[in-house]
Amino acid sequence: KASTVVIAGGGPIAVEFAGDVREVNPSAKVTLVCSGDRALPYLNWEYRRKLDKMLKTLNIEVLTNERVTDEEHSITKKELTLSSGKTLEADCFIPAYTRGYGAGWTGLADSSGKIPVNKHLQ
């Protein structure tokens, strides 16, 4: 079993992976590396507090405003470099992020790659 697991991403897949790893390997050091200022940034404040508390209770470390510069997953021990220049040792690295929403081809996407909608989802 891996003793250190690093998961890159701050969305639902990354958060779920972190919880799954904790469940199957309770002794592992699990680190979630988020490029933004928190995991699941679109949640309202009440749910953000609940998420932060849950991650802390599960002993999942969250690094914010960081990116893993390595491109490929690894199931062998490696040193990962972060955008800040810091490094992390990982027995297992899981990239659980997207490079964008892929909606640009529609001509409807804004500069962030998302398609804006109104309160009626139109």
Foldseek 3Di string as FASTA:
>chain_A
DKQEEEEEEQEPVSLVVQVVCCVVPVRHAAEYEYLAAHHPVVDPPVVRVVSVVVCVVSNYHYHYNKGFPDDDWDQDWDWTAIPVRDIDITNTYHYDYDPEDPQVVVVQADPRRDRDADPVRD
